[in-house]
Structure formats: structure tokens, C-alpha cells
Amino acid sequence: MKRIGLLSDTHGYWDDRYLKYFEECDEIWHAGDIGSMDVLDRLMKFRTFRGVYGNIDGQDIRKILPEINRFELEGADVMIKHIGGYPGKYDQQVKKIINTAAPNLLICGHSHILKVKYDRDYELLNINPGAAGKYGFHTVRTLVRFNIDNCKFSDLEVIELKD
């Protein structure tokens, strides 16, 4: 079993509570729009890190992180892409991929809207953790934690970061 700490859209903003809430996590995943090497470095030094670059990330971050990160963990096929969409409204690139070989878990960011949906058509769980940074229209900053064990996802928690 692995405990995952998930965030997105930090836009260069650092909050020490990221580490507080991810203390119990085995890995930290970032769904893009990291916004600064400082944020990326801090997360990478803290725990095993997986992530993707987002549309606002510069070449420094793009040299380190891929646009799409697909891997297997605890029996689950996982795909992370910043602009990915959600069931019924997938990004065209994502739709092409999942039509060929759908992952069990699709992680996306970009919208700043927290959303957890199961897609029955592709039999995949889609999670967008919302936005953890302060830039954007969202009024509540959010993080997500969950477990993966033998391709099962459990104990999903939404953490609201109130200022």
C-alpha cells in the first residue's frame, strides 16, 4: 500500500502546510503549473515525487518533468497530465490515449476545480485536486490524500487550506 499526497496549480506559491499534510505520505504527485523551481525542489527533497509540467511552467521545469507521466504503482496504471479534462469532456490527446489503453487512474489539474469522478465508460478514476496556490479564481485552496493498494483506491481525503 502507498499513501499519496496530490496537489496541482501551485503557481509558484509555497505553503509549509504542504509538508505538514503530506508527512504521512509515501509519494507526492503534482499535476502541473508548479510555477517555480523552488516549489519543485522542496517537494522533490521531501518525498518520492512524480509530476508533470503545466502550461505556465517554464523550460527549467519542462527539462525535468514530462507533459504526460504514466507509470504503474501498487498494481494500478496511473496517468498524470496537466490539461486532461474529466469524464465526458476529456482533452483530445487524453481521449486518444484512453481510447487505446485507459489507465486505472487519471490525474489532471488546470481547471482549479476540485473534482473526483469515476468514469464508467473507461473504468477509470479521474481526480483533479483543485488548486493549492493563490493565483486564480478559486476561493478555497485544496490538497488531496489517498491510498493505492492492489489497484484499489481508498481513504481519499480533501484538505482545505484556509488562510
N, C-alpha and C. Protein backbone atom coordinates (compact mmCIF):
# COMPACT_ATOMS: atom_id res chain seq x y z
N MET A 1 0.85 -1.19 0.00
CA MET A 1 0.00 0.00 0.00
C MET A 1 0.89 1.25 0.00
N LYS A 2 0.45 2.23 -0.75
CA LYS A 2 1.12 3.54 -0.79
C LYS A 2 0.11 4.63 -0.48
N ARG A 3 0.54 5.59 0.31
CA ARG A 3 -0.25 6.78 0.62
C ARG A 3 0.27 7.90 -0.26
N ILE A 4 -0.64 8.54 -1.00
CA ILE A 4 -0.28 9.57 -1.98
C ILE A 4 -0.77 10.93 -1.51
N GLY A 5 0.09 11.92 -1.64
CA GLY A 5 -0.28 13.32 -1.45
C GLY A 5 -0.33 13.97 -2.82
N LEU A 6 -1.45 14.57 -3.16
CA LEU A 6 -1.68 15.10 -4.51
C LEU A 6 -2.02 16.58 -4.46
N LEU A 7 -1.35 17.34 -5.33
CA LEU A 7 -1.67 18.77 -5.45
C LEU A 7 -1.46 19.21 -6.89
N SER A 8 -1.94 20.40 -7.18
CA SER A 8 -1.81 20.97 -8.51
C SER A 8 -1.87 22.48 -8.42
N ASP A 9 -1.45 23.12 -9.48
CA ASP A 9 -1.63 24.56 -9.66
C ASP A 9 -1.15 25.38 -8.46
N THR A 10 0.10 25.15 -8.07
CA THR A 10 0.70 25.96 -7.01
C THR A 10 1.11 27.33 -7.54
N HIS A 11 1.38 27.43 -8.83
CA HIS A 11 1.73 28.70 -9.48
C HIS A 11 2.84 29.45 -8.73
N GLY A 12 3.84 28.71 -8.27
CA GLY A 12 4.98 29.32 -7.59
C GLY A 12 4.76 29.63 -6.13
N TYR A 13 3.58 29.35 -5.61
CA TYR A 13 3.27 29.65 -4.21
C TYR A 13 3.67 28.48 -3.32
N TRP A 14 4.36 28.78 -2.23
CA TRP A 14 4.75 27.75 -1.26
C TRP A 14 3.99 27.95 0.04
N ASP A 15 3.50 26.84 0.58
CA ASP A 15 2.82 26.83 1.87
C ASP A 15 3.43 25.68 2.68
N ASP A 16 3.98 25.98 3.85
CA ASP A 16 4.60 24.94 4.68
C ASP A 16 3.62 23.83 5.05
N ARG A 17 2.34 24.10 4.96
CA ARG A 17 1.35 23.07 5.28
C ARG A 17 1.34 21.93 4.25
N TYR A 18 1.90 22.16 3.06
CA TYR A 18 2.02 21.05 2.11
C TYR A 18 2.77 19.90 2.79
N LEU A 19 3.89 20.23 3.42
CA LEU A 19 4.71 19.20 4.06
C LEU A 19 4.02 18.64 5.30
N LYS A 20 3.32 19.47 6.03
CA LYS A 20 2.59 19.01 7.21
C LYS A 20 1.55 17.96 6.81
N TYR A 21 0.75 18.27 5.82
CA TYR A 21 -0.32 17.36 5.43
C TYR A 21 0.18 16.15 4.64
N PHE A 22 1.36 16.26 4.06
CA PHE A 22 1.92 15.14 3.30
C PHE A 22 2.95 14.34 4.10
N GLU A 23 3.10 14.65 5.37
CA GLU A 23 4.06 13.96 6.22
C GLU A 23 3.84 12.45 6.21
N GLU A 24 2.60 12.02 6.25
CA GLU A 24 2.30 10.58 6.30
C GLU A 24 2.29 9.92 4.92
N CYS A 25 2.57 10.67 3.87
CA CYS A 25 2.50 10.13 2.52
C CYS A 25 3.84 9.52 2.09
N ASP A 26 3.73 8.48 1.27
CA ASP A 26 4.92 7.84 0.70
C ASP A 26 5.42 8.59 -0.53
N GLU A 27 4.48 9.14 -1.29
CA GLU A 27 4.83 9.87 -2.51
C GLU A 27 4.00 11.14 -2.60
N ILE A 28 4.58 12.13 -3.30
CA ILE A 28 3.85 13.37 -3.61
C ILE A 28 3.76 13.47 -5.13
N TRP A 29 2.54 13.74 -5.61
CA TRP A 29 2.30 13.93 -7.04
C TRP A 29 1.81 15.35 -7.27
N HIS A 30 2.32 15.97 -8.32
CA HIS A 30 1.90 17.33 -8.68
C HIS A 30 1.39 17.30 -10.12
N ALA A 31 0.18 17.79 -10.33
CA ALA A 31 -0.47 17.73 -11.64
C ALA A 31 -0.23 18.98 -12.49
N GLY A 32 0.88 19.67 -12.27
CA GLY A 32 1.29 20.74 -13.17
C GLY A 32 0.94 22.15 -12.74
N ASP A 33 1.52 23.11 -13.47
CA ASP A 33 1.53 24.53 -13.10
C ASP A 33 2.19 24.70 -11.73
N ILE A 34 3.37 24.14 -11.64
CA ILE A 34 4.18 24.23 -10.42
C ILE A 34 4.59 25.68 -10.21
N GLY A 35 5.11 26.31 -11.25
CA GLY A 35 5.33 27.74 -11.22
C GLY A 35 6.71 28.21 -10.81
N SER A 36 7.49 27.37 -10.13
CA SER A 36 8.85 27.78 -9.77
C SER A 36 9.69 26.57 -9.42
N MET A 37 10.99 26.70 -9.66
CA MET A 37 11.93 25.64 -9.30
C MET A 37 11.99 25.48 -7.79
N ASP A 38 11.78 26.55 -7.04
CA ASP A 38 11.80 26.47 -5.58
C ASP A 38 10.73 25.51 -5.07
N VAL A 39 9.52 25.63 -5.57
CA VAL A 39 8.43 24.73 -5.16
C VAL A 39 8.77 23.30 -5.56
N LEU A 40 9.21 23.11 -6.78
CA LEU A 40 9.56 21.77 -7.26
C LEU A 40 10.68 21.17 -6.41
N ASP A 41 11.74 21.92 -6.15
CA ASP A 41 12.87 21.41 -5.35
C ASP A 41 12.43 21.00 -3.95
N ARG A 42 11.62 21.82 -3.32
CA ARG A 42 11.17 21.49 -1.96
C ARG A 42 10.36 20.20 -1.92
N LEU A 43 9.47 20.02 -2.89
CA LEU A 43 8.66 18.81 -2.93
C LEU A 43 9.51 17.59 -3.26
N MET A 44 10.46 17.74 -4.19
CA MET A 44 11.31 16.62 -4.58
C MET A 44 12.23 16.18 -3.44
N LYS A 45 12.65 17.10 -2.61
CA LYS A 45 13.53 16.77 -1.48
C LYS A 45 12.77 16.13 -0.33
N PHE A 46 11.48 16.35 -0.28
CA PHE A 46 10.67 15.89 0.85
C PHE A 46 10.29 14.41 0.76
N ARG A 47 9.83 13.99 -0.40
CA ARG A 47 9.35 12.62 -0.60
C ARG A 47 9.61 12.20 -2.03
N THR A 48 9.40 10.90 -2.30
CA THR A 48 9.40 10.45 -3.69
C THR A 48 8.39 11.31 -4.43
N PHE A 49 8.80 11.84 -5.57
CA PHE A 49 7.99 12.82 -6.29
C PHE A 49 7.71 12.36 -7.71
N ARG A 50 6.48 12.56 -8.14
CA ARG A 50 6.09 12.34 -9.54
C ARG A 50 5.26 13.54 -9.96
N GLY A 51 5.44 13.98 -11.18
CA GLY A 51 4.66 15.12 -11.63
C GLY A 51 4.78 15.35 -13.11
N VAL A 52 4.12 16.40 -13.55
CA VAL A 52 4.15 16.83 -14.94
C VAL A 52 4.26 18.35 -14.97
N TYR A 53 4.71 18.87 -16.10
CA TYR A 53 4.70 20.32 -16.24
C TYR A 53 3.32 20.76 -16.70
N GLY A 54 3.01 22.01 -16.38
CA GLY A 54 1.75 22.60 -16.81
C GLY A 54 1.99 23.70 -17.83
N ASN A 55 0.92 24.30 -18.30
CA ASN A 55 1.01 25.29 -19.36
C ASN A 55 1.76 26.56 -18.95
N ILE A 56 1.85 26.87 -17.65
CA ILE A 56 2.57 28.08 -17.23
C ILE A 56 4.03 27.80 -16.86
N ASP A 57 4.41 26.53 -16.82
CA ASP A 57 5.76 26.18 -16.39
C ASP A 57 6.78 26.46 -17.49
N GLY A 58 7.92 27.01 -17.06
CA GLY A 58 8.99 27.37 -17.98
C GLY A 58 9.86 26.19 -18.37
N GLN A 59 10.87 26.50 -19.18
CA GLN A 59 11.77 25.46 -19.69
C GLN A 59 12.55 24.78 -18.57
N ASP A 60 12.83 25.48 -17.48
CA ASP A 60 13.57 24.86 -16.38
C ASP A 60 12.80 23.65 -15.83
N ILE A 61 11.51 23.79 -15.65
CA ILE A 61 10.67 22.70 -15.15
C ILE A 61 10.40 21.68 -16.25
N ARG A 62 10.21 22.14 -17.47
CA ARG A 62 9.94 21.23 -18.59
C ARG A 62 11.13 20.33 -18.91
N LYS A 63 12.33 20.76 -18.55
CA LYS A 63 13.51 19.91 -18.75
C LYS A 63 13.53 18.75 -17.75
N ILE A 64 12.84 18.92 -16.64
CA ILE A 64 12.86 17.92 -15.57
C ILE A 64 11.64 17.01 -15.61
N LEU A 65 10.48 17.59 -15.91
CA LEU A 65 9.22 16.84 -15.85
C LEU A 65 8.61 16.66 -17.24
N PRO A 66 7.92 15.54 -17.46
CA PRO A 66 7.27 15.31 -18.75
C PRO A 66 5.91 15.99 -18.84
N GLU A 67 5.36 16.03 -20.05
CA GLU A 67 3.99 16.51 -20.24
C GLU A 67 2.99 15.47 -19.74
N ILE A 68 3.30 14.21 -19.98
CA ILE A 68 2.47 13.09 -19.51
C ILE A 68 3.36 12.15 -18.72
N ASN A 69 2.92 11.79 -17.54
CA ASN A 69 3.66 10.84 -16.71
C ASN A 69 2.77 9.62 -16.51
N ARG A 70 3.18 8.50 -17.09
CA ARG A 70 2.40 7.27 -16.96
C ARG A 70 3.29 6.21 -16.33
N PHE A 71 2.76 5.56 -15.32
CA PHE A 71 3.55 4.59 -14.56
C PHE A 71 2.61 3.61 -13.85
N GLU A 72 3.20 2.55 -13.31
CA GLU A 72 2.43 1.59 -12.53
C GLU A 72 2.87 1.69 -11.08
N LEU A 73 1.90 1.67 -10.19
CA LEU A 73 2.19 1.71 -8.76
C LEU A 73 1.13 0.88 -8.04
N GLU A 74 1.58 -0.04 -7.23
CA GLU A 74 0.67 -0.88 -6.44
C GLU A 74 -0.41 -1.53 -7.31
N GLY A 75 0.00 -1.99 -8.50
CA GLY A 75 -0.92 -2.67 -9.39
C GLY A 75 -1.83 -1.77 -10.21
N ALA A 76 -1.69 -0.46 -10.05
CA ALA A 76 -2.55 0.49 -10.77
C ALA A 76 -1.76 1.16 -11.90
N ASP A 77 -2.40 1.28 -13.04
CA ASP A 77 -1.87 2.04 -14.17
C ASP A 77 -2.32 3.49 -13.97
N VAL A 78 -1.34 4.38 -13.77
CA VAL A 78 -1.63 5.78 -13.43
C VAL A 78 -1.13 6.69 -14.56
N MET A 79 -1.93 7.69 -14.89
CA MET A 79 -1.52 8.69 -15.87
C MET A 79 -1.79 10.08 -15.28
N ILE A 80 -0.77 10.94 -15.35
CA ILE A 80 -0.91 12.33 -14.92
C ILE A 80 -0.66 13.22 -16.12
N LYS A 81 -1.57 14.17 -16.35
CA LYS A 81 -1.43 15.18 -17.41
C LYS A 81 -2.11 16.45 -16.92
N HIS A 82 -1.43 17.57 -17.06
CA HIS A 82 -1.99 18.82 -16.52
C HIS A 82 -3.35 19.14 -17.13
N ILE A 83 -3.41 19.25 -18.44
CA ILE A 83 -4.69 19.54 -19.09
C ILE A 83 -5.23 18.21 -19.62
N GLY A 84 -6.13 17.62 -18.86
CA GLY A 84 -6.64 16.31 -19.21
C GLY A 84 -8.14 16.24 -19.33
N GLY A 85 -8.83 17.11 -18.62
CA GLY A 85 -10.28 17.09 -18.65
C GLY A 85 -10.87 16.12 -17.63
N TYR A 86 -12.10 15.73 -17.89
CA TYR A 86 -12.82 14.86 -16.97
C TYR A 86 -13.86 14.08 -17.77
N PRO A 87 -14.48 13.07 -17.17
CA PRO A 87 -15.41 12.22 -17.92
C PRO A 87 -16.43 13.03 -18.73
N GLY A 88 -16.49 12.69 -20.01
CA GLY A 88 -17.39 13.39 -20.92
C GLY A 88 -16.77 14.61 -21.57
N LYS A 89 -15.66 15.11 -21.03
CA LYS A 89 -15.01 16.32 -21.56
C LYS A 89 -13.49 16.19 -21.48
N TYR A 90 -12.97 15.09 -22.01
CA TYR A 90 -11.53 14.89 -22.00
C TYR A 90 -10.84 15.72 -23.07
N ASP A 91 -9.62 16.14 -22.78
CA ASP A 91 -8.73 16.74 -23.74
C ASP A 91 -8.54 15.74 -24.90
N GLN A 92 -8.40 16.23 -26.12
CA GLN A 92 -8.31 15.35 -27.29
C GLN A 92 -7.14 14.38 -27.21
N GLN A 93 -5.98 14.84 -26.73
CA GLN A 93 -4.83 13.97 -26.60
C GLN A 93 -5.09 12.85 -25.58
N VAL A 94 -5.72 13.21 -24.48
CA VAL A 94 -6.06 12.22 -23.44
C VAL A 94 -7.09 11.24 -23.99
N LYS A 95 -8.08 11.75 -24.68
CA LYS A 95 -9.13 10.87 -25.23
C LYS A 95 -8.53 9.83 -26.18
N LYS A 96 -7.57 10.25 -26.99
CA LYS A 96 -6.91 9.33 -27.91
C LYS A 96 -6.17 8.23 -27.12
N ILE A 97 -5.50 8.62 -26.07
CA ILE A 97 -4.76 7.65 -25.25
C ILE A 97 -5.70 6.69 -24.55
N ILE A 98 -6.75 7.21 -23.91
CA ILE A 98 -7.62 6.31 -23.16
C ILE A 98 -8.50 5.45 -24.06
N ASN A 99 -8.72 5.88 -25.29
CA ASN A 99 -9.43 5.02 -26.24
C ASN A 99 -8.58 3.81 -26.62
N THR A 100 -7.28 3.98 -26.60
CA THR A 100 -6.35 2.89 -26.93
C THR A 100 -6.08 2.01 -25.71
N ALA A 101 -5.73 2.65 -24.60
CA ALA A 101 -5.39 1.90 -23.38
C ALA A 101 -5.64 2.81 -22.18
N ALA A 102 -6.80 2.69 -21.60
CA ALA A 102 -7.18 3.56 -20.47
C ALA A 102 -6.41 3.17 -19.21
N PRO A 103 -5.93 4.17 -18.47
CA PRO A 103 -5.32 3.88 -17.17
C PRO A 103 -6.42 3.57 -16.15
N ASN A 104 -6.02 3.10 -14.98
CA ASN A 104 -6.98 2.92 -13.88
C ASN A 104 -7.25 4.24 -13.17
N LEU A 105 -6.24 5.13 -13.21
CA LEU A 105 -6.32 6.41 -12.51
C LEU A 105 -5.78 7.50 -13.41
N LEU A 106 -6.59 8.54 -13.64
CA LEU A 106 -6.19 9.70 -14.44
C LEU A 106 -6.19 10.91 -13.53
N ILE A 107 -5.02 11.52 -13.38
CA ILE A 107 -4.86 12.72 -12.55
C ILE A 107 -4.68 13.91 -13.47
N CYS A 108 -5.45 14.97 -13.25
CA CYS A 108 -5.37 16.18 -14.05
C CYS A 108 -5.39 17.40 -13.13
N GLY A 109 -4.97 18.52 -13.66
CA GLY A 109 -5.04 19.79 -12.96
C GLY A 109 -5.72 20.81 -13.86
N HIS A 110 -5.18 22.02 -13.89
CA HIS A 110 -5.51 23.10 -14.81
C HIS A 110 -6.79 23.87 -14.48
N SER A 111 -7.87 23.20 -14.18
CA SER A 111 -9.16 23.89 -14.03
C SER A 111 -9.29 24.64 -12.71
N HIS A 112 -8.46 24.31 -11.73
CA HIS A 112 -8.56 24.86 -10.36
C HIS A 112 -9.85 24.41 -9.68
N ILE A 113 -10.51 23.42 -10.23
CA ILE A 113 -11.77 22.90 -9.67
C ILE A 113 -11.54 21.49 -9.16
N LEU A 114 -11.72 21.32 -7.86
CA LEU A 114 -11.61 20.01 -7.24
C LEU A 114 -12.70 19.11 -7.80
N LYS A 115 -12.28 17.93 -8.32
CA LYS A 115 -13.26 17.03 -8.90
C LYS A 115 -12.74 15.61 -8.78
N VAL A 116 -13.58 14.72 -8.27
CA VAL A 116 -13.28 13.29 -8.21
C VAL A 116 -14.46 12.58 -8.84
N LYS A 117 -14.21 11.91 -9.98
CA LYS A 117 -15.30 11.24 -10.71
C LYS A 117 -14.83 9.89 -11.21
N TYR A 118 -15.72 8.93 -11.15
CA TYR A 118 -15.44 7.64 -11.74
C TYR A 118 -16.07 7.61 -13.13
N ASP A 119 -15.27 7.23 -14.12
CA ASP A 119 -15.74 7.14 -15.50
C ASP A 119 -16.08 5.68 -15.80
N ARG A 120 -17.36 5.38 -15.84
CA ARG A 120 -17.81 4.00 -16.08
C ARG A 120 -17.49 3.54 -17.51
N ASP A 121 -17.48 4.47 -18.46
CA ASP A 121 -17.19 4.10 -19.84
C ASP A 121 -15.77 3.55 -20.00
N TYR A 122 -14.80 4.15 -19.31
CA TYR A 122 -13.40 3.73 -19.41
C TYR A 122 -12.92 2.98 -18.18
N GLU A 123 -13.79 2.84 -17.19
CA GLU A 123 -13.46 2.17 -15.93
C GLU A 123 -12.19 2.76 -15.31
N LEU A 124 -12.21 4.08 -15.16
CA LEU A 124 -11.08 4.77 -14.55
C LEU A 124 -11.56 5.81 -13.56
N LEU A 125 -10.73 6.05 -12.56
CA LEU A 125 -11.00 7.11 -11.59
C LEU A 125 -10.27 8.35 -12.04
N ASN A 126 -10.96 9.47 -12.09
CA ASN A 126 -10.40 10.74 -12.52
C ASN A 126 -10.37 11.68 -11.31
N ILE A 127 -9.18 12.19 -10.98
CA ILE A 127 -9.04 13.11 -9.85
C ILE A 127 -8.37 14.39 -10.31
N ASN A 128 -8.99 15.51 -9.99
CA ASN A 128 -8.37 16.83 -10.12
C ASN A 128 -8.35 17.39 -8.70
N PRO A 129 -7.15 17.63 -8.13
CA PRO A 129 -7.08 18.09 -6.74
C PRO A 129 -7.41 19.56 -6.53
N GLY A 130 -7.84 20.25 -7.56
CA GLY A 130 -8.11 21.68 -7.42
C GLY A 130 -6.79 22.44 -7.46
N ALA A 131 -6.72 23.57 -6.80
CA ALA A 131 -5.51 24.39 -6.82
C ALA A 131 -4.99 24.60 -5.41
N ALA A 132 -3.66 24.42 -5.25
CA ALA A 132 -3.03 24.61 -3.94
C ALA A 132 -2.40 25.99 -3.80
N GLY A 133 -2.26 26.70 -4.90
CA GLY A 133 -1.66 28.03 -4.87
C GLY A 133 -2.71 29.12 -4.72
N LYS A 134 -2.24 30.36 -4.76
CA LYS A 134 -3.14 31.50 -4.56
C LYS A 134 -3.55 32.19 -5.86
N TYR A 135 -2.89 31.88 -6.97
CA TYR A 135 -3.21 32.51 -8.24
C TYR A 135 -4.42 31.82 -8.87
N GLY A 136 -5.40 32.59 -9.31
CA GLY A 136 -6.56 32.02 -9.99
C GLY A 136 -7.86 32.46 -9.35
N PHE A 137 -8.94 31.96 -9.89
CA PHE A 137 -10.27 32.37 -9.47
C PHE A 137 -10.82 31.58 -8.29
N HIS A 138 -10.18 30.46 -7.93
CA HIS A 138 -10.69 29.61 -6.86
C HIS A 138 -10.68 30.36 -5.53
N THR A 139 -11.60 30.02 -4.67
CA THR A 139 -11.69 30.68 -3.37
C THR A 139 -11.17 29.81 -2.23
N VAL A 140 -11.04 28.52 -2.48
CA VAL A 140 -10.51 27.60 -1.47
C VAL A 140 -9.35 26.83 -2.10
N ARG A 141 -8.22 26.81 -1.40
CA ARG A 141 -7.06 26.04 -1.86
C ARG A 141 -7.20 24.62 -1.31
N THR A 142 -6.89 23.62 -2.15
CA THR A 142 -7.12 22.23 -1.75
C THR A 142 -5.93 21.32 -2.07
N LEU A 143 -5.82 20.28 -1.25
CA LEU A 143 -4.90 19.16 -1.44
C LEU A 143 -5.73 17.90 -1.33
N VAL A 144 -5.19 16.79 -1.83
CA VAL A 144 -5.88 15.50 -1.74
C VAL A 144 -4.88 14.46 -1.25
N ARG A 145 -5.36 13.56 -0.40
CA ARG A 145 -4.58 12.38 0.00
C ARG A 145 -5.42 11.14 -0.24
N PHE A 146 -4.77 10.04 -0.62
CA PHE A 146 -5.48 8.79 -0.81
C PHE A 146 -4.50 7.63 -0.78
N ASN A 147 -5.04 6.43 -0.69
CA ASN A 147 -4.24 5.21 -0.69
C ASN A 147 -4.42 4.47 -2.00
N ILE A 148 -3.36 3.77 -2.41
CA ILE A 148 -3.43 2.82 -3.52
C ILE A 148 -2.92 1.50 -2.97
N ASP A 149 -3.72 0.46 -3.16
CA ASP A 149 -3.33 -0.87 -2.71
C ASP A 149 -3.94 -1.90 -3.65
N ASN A 150 -3.09 -2.62 -4.36
CA ASN A 150 -3.55 -3.67 -5.27
C ASN A 150 -4.62 -3.14 -6.24
N CYS A 151 -4.31 -1.98 -6.84
CA CYS A 151 -5.19 -1.32 -7.83
C CYS A 151 -6.54 -0.89 -7.24
N LYS A 152 -6.58 -0.68 -5.95
CA LYS A 152 -7.79 -0.15 -5.29
C LYS A 152 -7.42 1.19 -4.67
N PHE A 153 -8.33 2.14 -4.79
CA PHE A 153 -8.11 3.48 -4.27
C PHE A 153 -9.04 3.67 -3.08
N SER A 154 -8.48 4.13 -1.96
CA SER A 154 -9.29 4.23 -0.75
C SER A 154 -8.85 5.41 0.11
N ASP A 155 -9.67 5.68 1.12
CA ASP A 155 -9.37 6.70 2.13
C ASP A 155 -9.01 8.05 1.52
N LEU A 156 -9.74 8.44 0.48
CA LEU A 156 -9.49 9.72 -0.16
C LEU A 156 -9.94 10.85 0.76
N GLU A 157 -9.05 11.80 0.97
CA GLU A 157 -9.35 12.96 1.83
C GLU A 157 -9.10 14.24 1.05
N VAL A 158 -9.96 15.20 1.21
CA VAL A 158 -9.76 16.53 0.68
C VAL A 158 -9.38 17.42 1.84
N ILE A 159 -8.29 18.17 1.67
CA ILE A 159 -7.80 19.07 2.69
C ILE A 159 -7.97 20.50 2.17
N GLU A 160 -8.69 21.31 2.92
CA GLU A 160 -8.85 22.72 2.56
C GLU A 160 -7.83 23.54 3.32
N LEU A 161 -7.09 24.36 2.58
CA LEU A 161 -6.08 25.24 3.18
C LEU A 161 -6.69 26.62 3.34
N LYS A 162 -7.13 26.89 4.53
CA LYS A 162 -7.75 28.19 4.80
C LYS A 162 -6.68 29.16 5.28
N ASP A 163 -6.74 30.38 4.76
CA ASP A 163 -5.74 31.39 5.14
C ASP A 163 -6.16 32.18 6.35
